[in-house]
Amino acid sequence: MARRPLPRVLSSGSASITRSREIARTAADSATDVLHPLITILRGLRLLAVSGRQKWAATPKERRGPKLFLAAACVLAVALVPYGPILALITVMGAAAWKGRERTPVKTGPDEAESTRLRALYEALVPYFSVPDDPDPLFAHGGDWEKAFDGYAFDADGRISRLQISYPAYFTDGEAAARARIEQLLHTKSGRAREYRFAWDEEANRLVMTVPAALSTSIAAQRFVTAPGETVLGFTDPDAVRLTVPVRDGDTTVDASPVVWRTGNRSTEPHLLAVGQPGSGTTTLVRSIALQALQQGDVLVVDGSGTGEYGALVGCPGVLAVESGLSGALATLEWAAHETERRLIFANRARQGGHPVPEDIKRPLWILLDRPGVLGHLAAADGRPDPLELLQVPLRH
């Protein structure tokens, strides 16, 4: 037999029930939106009443009488003041609305993504912080990571910014190689392209990993306030050095912690090599050094890139030359080599004869090369000497 269709009245009745539910749900949502201010005020009145009852219960009995008298006096004063009851009602409603507002719940623990990250980090540390003979291991596959991680914090991107780890006492934290393995693992699992600091507390068997705040990138090249023979190469964290210098950061002047390079006759590092990829800031560093060197010395600049980054120095007092071509660079560096030899000879003669050093050699000579490798390739193609070979005499002294 063919299956008989359901009566039409049932299908139409089901559709009407569905529509009725949708209408009721829409009406309930609309009523909630309309009555939301009233709900907020009622919630606030309830919270105010609870708070008042708690304070009344905590008040000693001998102080309740004076408080009642003070409250009655306030009510009488409000009643006698023009528009007092209306203003009091508005004040109470405002306080109730503020008290009953919806607050963002306080975060009491890591969310699912953060727990997953901590769990993965815990599992990665198990082979390093556990041994098979440990009857109650702190680190074990499938164990509780909350026992090992005493504290943690995440940044806005969901990456770990601070982590405190408790490790077993048998871990060889006194060996540099063992500590280096743990630091490398934490650096890899916590996210690359960031700087991490590790503080080992061997007595308490505790390791704290932190991510320092990013350094300011808005400090432009300028003449810094330094002592003779000191050059500011950059800036570091405030707790890394004790010295600070005033710098211009935009339109304001702030105190920053500098990385200072000390030059001079007794310097153990008289020469500087800055290595970086294009766009990493090496040219900005060389320009900053040039500006600082002009305060007390003469400057020779060889720009291998030829992009005109040092055009602003042309014609400035103390700038002997700014060269970007191969011929000019070779001639300038050859003169610098002869000038270095001349200064050494005259200084030696003055020292042997007991005479003061001539004034024309007291002023330091700075030789700044930016991307000299480009000039080296051009020289090799033309069959000419490498410009870096002309630096042998200045680099020895």
Protein backbone atom coordinates (compact mmCIF):
# COMPACT_ATOMS: atom_id res chain seq x y z
CA MET A 1 0.00 0.00 0.00
CA ALA A 2 1.12 3.53 -0.67
CA ARG A 3 1.90 5.64 2.41
CA ARG A 4 -0.86 8.07 3.17
CA PRO A 5 0.24 11.67 3.52
CA LEU A 6 -0.08 13.46 6.82
CA PRO A 7 -3.14 15.61 7.27
CA ARG A 8 -2.60 19.20 6.12
CA VAL A 9 -3.77 20.59 9.41
CA LEU A 10 -0.71 19.13 11.20
CA SER A 11 1.86 20.70 8.87
CA SER A 12 0.19 24.10 8.97
CA GLY A 13 -0.09 23.87 12.76
CA SER A 14 3.64 23.13 13.07
CA ALA A 15 4.51 26.14 10.94
CA SER A 16 2.28 28.40 13.01
CA ILE A 17 3.91 27.14 16.22
CA THR A 18 7.38 27.90 14.80
CA ARG A 19 6.30 31.40 13.81
CA SER A 20 4.79 31.94 17.23
CA ARG A 21 8.06 30.96 18.91
CA GLU A 22 10.04 33.33 16.70
CA ILE A 23 7.63 36.16 17.44
CA ALA A 24 7.82 35.45 21.17
CA ARG A 25 11.62 35.35 21.06
CA THR A 26 11.79 38.63 19.13
CA ALA A 27 9.35 40.25 21.55
CA ALA A 28 11.40 39.07 24.52
CA ASP A 29 14.62 40.46 23.02
CA SER A 30 12.93 43.78 22.26
CA ALA A 31 11.50 43.97 25.77
CA THR A 32 14.96 43.27 27.22
CA ASP A 33 16.47 46.08 25.17
CA VAL A 34 13.73 48.52 26.16
CA LEU A 35 13.78 47.57 29.82
CA HIS A 36 17.57 47.35 30.07
CA PRO A 37 17.93 50.75 31.87
CA LEU A 38 15.23 49.74 34.36
CA ILE A 39 16.88 46.37 34.91
CA THR A 40 20.23 48.10 35.49
CA ILE A 41 18.70 50.49 38.05
CA LEU A 42 16.90 47.69 39.87
CA ARG A 43 20.11 45.67 40.01
CA GLY A 44 21.94 48.70 41.37
CA LEU A 45 19.26 49.34 44.03
CA ARG A 46 19.54 45.75 45.13
CA LEU A 47 23.35 46.00 45.37
CA LEU A 48 23.10 49.29 47.26
CA ALA A 49 20.64 47.75 49.68
CA VAL A 50 22.91 44.76 50.25
CA SER A 51 25.89 47.04 50.77
CA GLY A 52 23.96 49.21 53.21
CA ARG A 53 22.76 46.20 55.15
CA GLN A 54 26.31 44.85 55.42
CA LYS A 55 27.65 48.19 56.67
CA TRP A 56 24.78 48.44 59.18
CA ALA A 57 25.53 44.95 60.47
CA ALA A 58 29.21 45.82 60.82
CA THR A 59 28.45 49.01 62.77
CA PRO A 60 28.75 48.64 66.56
CA LYS A 61 25.48 49.01 68.48
CA GLU A 62 26.67 52.07 70.39
CA ARG A 63 27.22 53.93 67.10
CA ARG A 64 23.92 53.06 65.43
CA GLY A 65 21.94 55.73 67.28
CA PRO A 66 24.12 58.68 66.17
CA LYS A 67 24.12 57.37 62.61
CA LEU A 68 20.33 57.14 62.58
CA PHE A 69 20.08 60.69 63.91
CA LEU A 70 22.51 61.93 61.23
CA ALA A 71 20.55 60.13 58.50
CA ALA A 72 17.26 61.59 59.74
CA ALA A 73 18.80 65.09 59.78
CA CYS A 74 20.01 64.64 56.21
CA VAL A 75 16.56 63.48 55.07
CA LEU A 76 14.94 66.49 56.78
CA ALA A 77 17.42 68.89 55.20
CA VAL A 78 16.82 67.41 51.75
CA ALA A 79 13.07 67.66 52.22
CA LEU A 80 13.29 71.36 53.17
CA VAL A 81 15.61 72.35 50.30
CA PRO A 82 13.80 73.46 47.12
CA TYR A 83 13.75 70.59 44.62
CA GLY A 84 15.59 68.55 47.23
CA PRO A 85 13.53 65.33 46.92
CA ILE A 86 13.80 65.42 43.13
CA LEU A 87 17.56 65.94 43.25
CA ALA A 88 17.90 63.20 45.85
CA LEU A 89 15.89 60.82 43.66
CA ILE A 90 18.06 61.62 40.64
CA THR A 91 21.20 61.08 42.72
CA VAL A 92 19.97 57.73 44.01
CA MET A 93 18.97 56.61 40.51
CA GLY A 94 22.39 57.66 39.14
CA ALA A 95 24.20 55.81 41.90
CA ALA A 96 22.04 52.73 41.30
CA ALA A 97 22.69 52.87 37.55
CA TRP A 98 26.45 53.10 38.18
CA LYS A 99 26.37 50.33 40.74
CA GLY A 100 24.25 48.05 38.59
CA ARG A 101 26.15 48.49 35.33
CA GLU A 102 27.46 45.38 33.62
CA ARG A 103 31.12 44.99 34.42
CA THR A 104 33.68 43.06 32.46
CA PRO A 105 34.37 39.89 34.40
CA VAL A 106 37.81 39.76 35.96
CA LYS A 107 40.07 37.26 34.28
CA THR A 108 41.06 34.68 36.88
CA GLY A 109 43.07 32.26 34.75
CA PRO A 110 44.34 31.49 31.27
CA ASP A 111 41.89 30.96 28.45
CA GLU A 112 41.87 27.91 26.23
CA ALA A 113 44.53 29.18 23.82
CA GLU A 114 46.84 30.25 26.65
CA SER A 115 46.36 26.94 28.45
CA THR A 116 47.25 25.10 25.23
CA ARG A 117 50.43 27.15 24.87
CA LEU A 118 51.43 26.52 28.48
CA ARG A 119 50.66 22.84 28.13
CA ALA A 120 52.85 22.57 25.01
CA LEU A 121 55.68 24.39 26.79
CA TYR A 122 55.35 22.08 29.79
CA GLU A 123 55.49 18.97 27.61
CA ALA A 124 58.57 20.31 25.81
CA LEU A 125 60.40 20.74 29.13
CA VAL A 126 59.63 17.22 30.38
CA PRO A 127 62.74 15.55 28.81
CA TYR A 128 65.03 18.11 30.45
CA PHE A 129 63.45 18.35 33.91
CA SER A 130 62.68 14.68 34.62
CA VAL A 131 64.50 11.39 35.23
CA PRO A 132 63.07 7.85 35.16
CA ASP A 133 63.95 7.20 38.84
CA ASP A 134 61.96 10.14 40.22
CA PRO A 135 59.02 8.68 42.24
CA ASP A 136 57.07 11.95 42.20
CA PRO A 137 58.19 13.89 39.12
CA LEU A 138 57.31 17.54 38.83
CA PHE A 139 57.56 17.25 35.06
CA ALA A 140 55.91 14.24 33.42
CA HIS A 141 54.09 13.66 30.17
CA GLY A 142 50.44 14.36 30.82
CA GLY A 143 51.22 15.94 34.20
CA ASP A 144 49.84 19.09 35.77
CA TRP A 145 51.58 22.14 34.37
CA GLU A 146 50.11 24.41 37.06
CA LYS A 147 52.39 22.79 39.66
CA ALA A 148 55.51 23.64 37.64
CA PHE A 149 54.54 27.12 36.45
CA ASP A 150 54.22 29.37 39.49
CA GLY A 151 53.36 32.47 37.48
CA TYR A 152 52.74 33.53 33.91
CA ALA A 153 51.61 36.51 31.88
CA PHE A 154 50.64 37.06 28.25
CA ASP A 155 50.83 40.09 26.02
CA ALA A 156 48.10 41.50 23.79
CA ASP A 157 49.01 39.06 21.00
CA GLY A 158 48.57 36.02 23.25
CA ARG A 159 52.30 35.28 23.54
CA ILE A 160 54.07 34.63 26.81
CA SER A 161 55.61 37.77 28.29
CA ARG A 162 56.58 36.37 31.69
CA LEU A 163 56.96 32.84 33.02
CA GLN A 164 58.14 31.54 36.39
CA ILE A 165 59.18 27.89 36.43
CA SER A 166 59.95 25.63 39.38
CA TYR A 167 62.31 22.81 38.41
CA PRO A 168 63.53 19.76 40.36
CA ALA A 169 66.59 20.05 42.57
CA TYR A 170 68.55 17.45 40.60
CA PHE A 171 68.64 19.58 37.46
CA THR A 172 72.22 20.68 36.79
CA ASP A 173 71.54 24.41 36.82
CA GLY A 174 75.19 25.06 37.69
CA GLU A 175 76.30 24.00 34.20
CA ALA A 176 76.19 26.64 31.48
CA ALA A 177 75.39 24.09 28.79
CA ALA A 178 72.32 22.80 30.67
CA ARG A 179 71.02 26.31 31.23
CA ALA A 180 71.65 27.20 27.58
CA ARG A 181 69.53 24.25 26.40
CA ILE A 182 66.59 25.36 28.54
CA GLU A 183 66.91 28.98 27.44
CA GLN A 184 67.07 27.99 23.78
CA LEU A 185 63.99 25.80 24.14
CA LEU A 186 62.00 28.51 25.90
CA HIS A 187 63.08 31.05 23.28
CA THR A 188 61.90 28.76 20.49
CA LYS A 189 58.58 27.78 22.06
CA SER A 190 57.68 31.25 23.32
CA GLY A 191 58.08 32.98 19.97
CA ARG A 192 61.04 34.21 17.99
CA ALA A 193 61.90 37.78 16.96
CA ARG A 194 61.81 38.88 20.60
CA GLU A 195 64.38 39.39 23.32
CA TYR A 196 64.17 37.21 26.42
CA ARG A 197 65.84 37.52 29.79
CA PHE A 198 66.43 34.58 32.10
CA ALA A 199 67.00 34.85 35.85
CA TRP A 200 68.17 31.60 37.47
CA ASP A 201 67.69 31.20 41.22
CA GLU A 202 69.77 28.11 42.00
CA GLU A 203 68.96 28.22 45.72
CA ALA A 204 65.19 28.14 45.21
CA ASN A 205 65.28 26.01 42.02
CA ARG A 206 63.34 28.65 40.15
CA LEU A 207 63.69 30.20 36.70
CA VAL A 208 62.02 33.45 35.67
CA MET A 209 61.76 34.33 31.98
CA THR A 210 60.70 37.86 31.05
CA VAL A 211 60.31 39.83 27.83
CA PRO A 212 61.63 43.39 28.18
CA ALA A 213 59.61 46.23 26.74
CA ALA A 214 60.44 47.36 23.23
CA LEU A 215 62.94 50.17 22.98
CA SER A 216 61.97 53.52 21.54
CA THR A 217 62.56 53.93 17.80
CA SER A 218 61.64 57.62 17.63
CA ILE A 219 65.02 58.99 18.81
CA ALA A 220 66.67 60.47 15.73
CA ALA A 221 70.38 61.01 15.05
CA GLN A 222 71.53 64.06 17.02
CA ARG A 223 74.43 65.45 19.00
CA PHE A 224 74.32 63.88 22.43
CA VAL A 225 75.71 65.26 25.66
CA THR A 226 78.82 63.14 26.31
CA ALA A 227 82.34 63.48 27.64
CA PRO A 228 85.32 63.81 25.27
CA GLY A 229 86.10 60.50 23.63
CA GLU A 230 82.60 59.08 24.20
CA THR A 231 80.18 58.20 21.40
CA VAL A 232 76.58 57.08 21.83
CA LEU A 233 75.83 54.05 19.66
CA GLY A 234 72.25 53.49 20.77
CA PHE A 235 70.02 53.06 23.78
CA THR A 236 69.22 50.12 26.00
CA ASP A 237 66.96 49.23 28.92
CA PRO A 238 66.98 51.58 31.94
CA ASP A 239 68.18 48.85 34.30
CA ALA A 240 71.11 47.85 32.08
CA VAL A 241 73.28 50.93 32.73
CA ARG A 242 73.43 53.61 35.40
CA LEU A 243 74.22 56.49 33.05
CA THR A 244 71.50 58.55 31.36
CA VAL A 245 71.73 61.34 28.80
CA PRO A 246 69.10 63.89 27.74
CA VAL A 247 67.84 63.27 24.20
CA ARG A 248 65.19 64.77 21.97
CA ASP A 249 62.37 62.32 21.40
CA GLY A 250 60.00 64.08 19.04
CA ASP A 251 59.01 67.40 20.59
CA THR A 252 60.06 66.47 24.12
CA THR A 253 63.33 65.89 25.96
CA VAL A 254 63.72 62.66 27.91
CA ASP A 255 66.50 60.87 29.79
CA ALA A 256 67.60 57.69 28.02
CA SER A 257 70.10 54.96 28.93
CA PRO A 258 72.87 55.01 26.29
CA VAL A 259 75.26 52.41 24.93
CA VAL A 260 78.56 54.35 25.02
CA TRP A 261 81.63 53.62 22.90
CA ARG A 262 84.83 55.09 24.35
CA THR A 263 87.64 56.00 21.98
CA GLY A 264 91.02 57.67 22.39
CA ASN A 265 94.65 56.75 22.98
CA ARG A 266 93.89 54.29 25.79
CA SER A 267 90.84 52.73 24.21
CA THR A 268 90.84 48.94 23.98
CA GLU A 269 88.37 49.10 21.07
CA PRO A 270 89.42 52.03 18.86
CA HIS A 271 87.62 50.73 15.78
CA LEU A 272 83.96 49.82 15.21
CA LEU A 273 82.43 47.35 12.76
CA ALA A 274 78.64 47.58 12.30
CA VAL A 275 77.04 44.67 10.45
CA GLY A 276 73.44 44.64 9.31
CA GLN A 277 71.15 43.93 6.41
CA PRO A 278 69.83 46.77 4.23
CA GLY A 279 67.20 48.66 6.18
CA SER A 280 68.43 47.49 9.60
CA GLY A 281 69.72 50.94 10.62
CA THR A 282 73.49 50.77 10.00
CA THR A 283 73.42 53.95 7.88
CA THR A 284 71.53 55.77 10.63
CA LEU A 285 74.16 54.62 13.12
CA VAL A 286 77.02 55.90 10.93
CA ARG A 287 75.26 59.27 10.47
CA SER A 288 74.79 59.53 14.23
CA ILE A 289 78.49 58.81 14.80
CA ALA A 290 79.41 61.44 12.21
CA LEU A 291 77.32 64.10 13.95
CA GLN A 292 78.92 63.32 17.30
CA ALA A 293 82.46 63.14 15.86
CA LEU A 294 82.17 66.63 14.36
CA GLN A 295 82.08 68.15 17.84
CA GLN A 296 85.77 67.41 18.46
CA GLY A 297 87.22 65.91 15.27
CA ASP A 298 87.39 65.82 11.49
CA VAL A 299 85.34 63.37 9.44
CA LEU A 300 85.89 61.54 6.15
CA VAL A 301 82.81 59.77 4.78
CA VAL A 302 82.81 57.12 2.05
CA ASP A 303 79.30 56.10 0.99
CA GLY A 304 79.42 52.88 -0.97
CA SER A 305 75.70 52.81 -1.68
CA GLY A 306 75.76 56.17 -3.44
CA THR A 307 72.21 57.02 -2.39
CA GLY A 308 73.04 60.45 -1.00
CA GLU A 309 72.37 59.55 2.62
CA TYR A 310 75.24 61.80 3.71
CA GLY A 311 74.49 64.77 1.45
CA ALA A 312 73.55 66.92 4.44
CA LEU A 313 77.15 66.71 5.71
CA VAL A 314 78.68 68.25 2.57
CA GLY A 315 80.16 71.64 3.40
CA CYS A 316 79.76 71.31 7.17
CA PRO A 317 82.70 72.48 9.31
CA GLY A 318 84.96 69.55 10.06
CA VAL A 319 83.79 67.38 7.14
CA LEU A 320 86.87 66.87 4.95
CA ALA A 321 85.15 64.90 2.19
CA VAL A 322 82.02 62.92 1.36
CA GLU A 323 82.72 60.46 -1.47
CA SER A 324 80.41 57.96 -3.10
CA GLY A 325 82.29 57.10 -6.30
CA LEU A 326 85.09 54.57 -6.66
CA SER A 327 87.77 57.03 -7.81
CA GLY A 328 86.98 59.55 -5.10
CA ALA A 329 86.87 56.85 -2.45
CA LEU A 330 90.28 55.46 -3.46
CA ALA A 331 91.85 58.91 -3.48
CA THR A 332 90.31 59.83 -0.12
CA LEU A 333 91.35 56.61 1.59
CA GLU A 334 94.87 56.86 0.16
CA TRP A 335 95.14 60.38 1.59
CA ALA A 336 93.81 59.09 4.93
CA ALA A 337 96.53 56.42 5.02
CA HIS A 338 99.27 58.99 4.35
CA GLU A 339 97.73 61.37 6.89
CA THR A 340 97.74 58.63 9.53
CA GLU A 341 101.43 57.94 8.89
CA ARG A 342 102.24 61.68 9.02
CA ARG A 343 100.46 62.07 12.35
CA LEU A 344 102.26 59.08 13.81
CA ILE A 345 105.67 60.42 12.69
CA PHE A 346 105.11 63.92 14.04
CA ALA A 347 103.70 62.62 17.32
CA ASN A 348 106.71 60.32 17.76
CA ARG A 349 109.17 63.14 17.05
CA ALA A 350 107.45 65.43 19.50
CA ARG A 351 107.47 62.78 22.19
CA GLN A 352 111.16 61.98 21.68
CA GLY A 353 112.12 65.63 21.71
CA GLY A 354 110.02 66.46 24.73
CA HIS A 355 107.93 68.96 22.79
CA PRO A 356 104.15 69.28 22.83
CA VAL A 357 102.17 67.57 20.13
CA PRO A 358 101.47 69.89 17.16
CA GLU A 359 98.02 71.39 17.08
CA ASP A 360 97.21 70.06 13.58
CA ILE A 361 97.38 66.45 14.76
CA LYS A 362 95.54 66.83 18.08
CA ARG A 363 92.15 66.87 16.42
CA PRO A 364 90.96 63.25 15.88
CA LEU A 365 90.41 62.01 12.33
CA TRP A 366 87.33 59.86 11.81
CA ILE A 367 87.11 57.62 8.74
CA LEU A 368 83.53 56.41 8.19
CA LEU A 369 82.73 53.83 5.52
CA ASP A 370 79.17 52.76 4.74
CA ARG A 371 78.75 49.59 2.64
CA PRO A 372 82.37 49.39 1.45
CA GLY A 373 81.71 45.98 -0.07
CA VAL A 374 79.92 47.63 -3.00
CA LEU A 375 83.04 49.63 -3.82
CA GLY A 376 85.10 46.48 -3.51
CA HIS A 377 83.04 44.76 -6.22
CA LEU A 378 83.37 47.77 -8.51
CA ALA A 379 87.12 47.88 -7.95
CA ALA A 380 87.47 44.17 -8.75
CA ALA A 381 85.49 44.64 -11.95
CA ASP A 382 87.75 47.54 -13.06
CA GLY A 383 90.95 45.79 -12.00
CA ARG A 384 91.69 48.37 -9.31
CA PRO A 385 92.75 47.78 -5.69
CA ASP A 386 90.14 47.14 -3.06
CA PRO A 387 89.45 50.29 -1.00
CA LEU A 388 89.59 48.21 2.18
CA GLU A 389 93.29 47.49 1.54
CA LEU A 390 94.01 51.19 2.06
CA LEU A 391 92.68 50.92 5.62
CA GLN A 392 95.49 48.70 6.86
CA VAL A 393 97.53 51.61 8.24
CA PRO A 394 94.60 53.36 10.04
CA LEU A 395 93.36 50.07 11.46
CA ARG A 396 96.74 49.31 13.03
CA HIS A 397 96.74 52.55 15.01
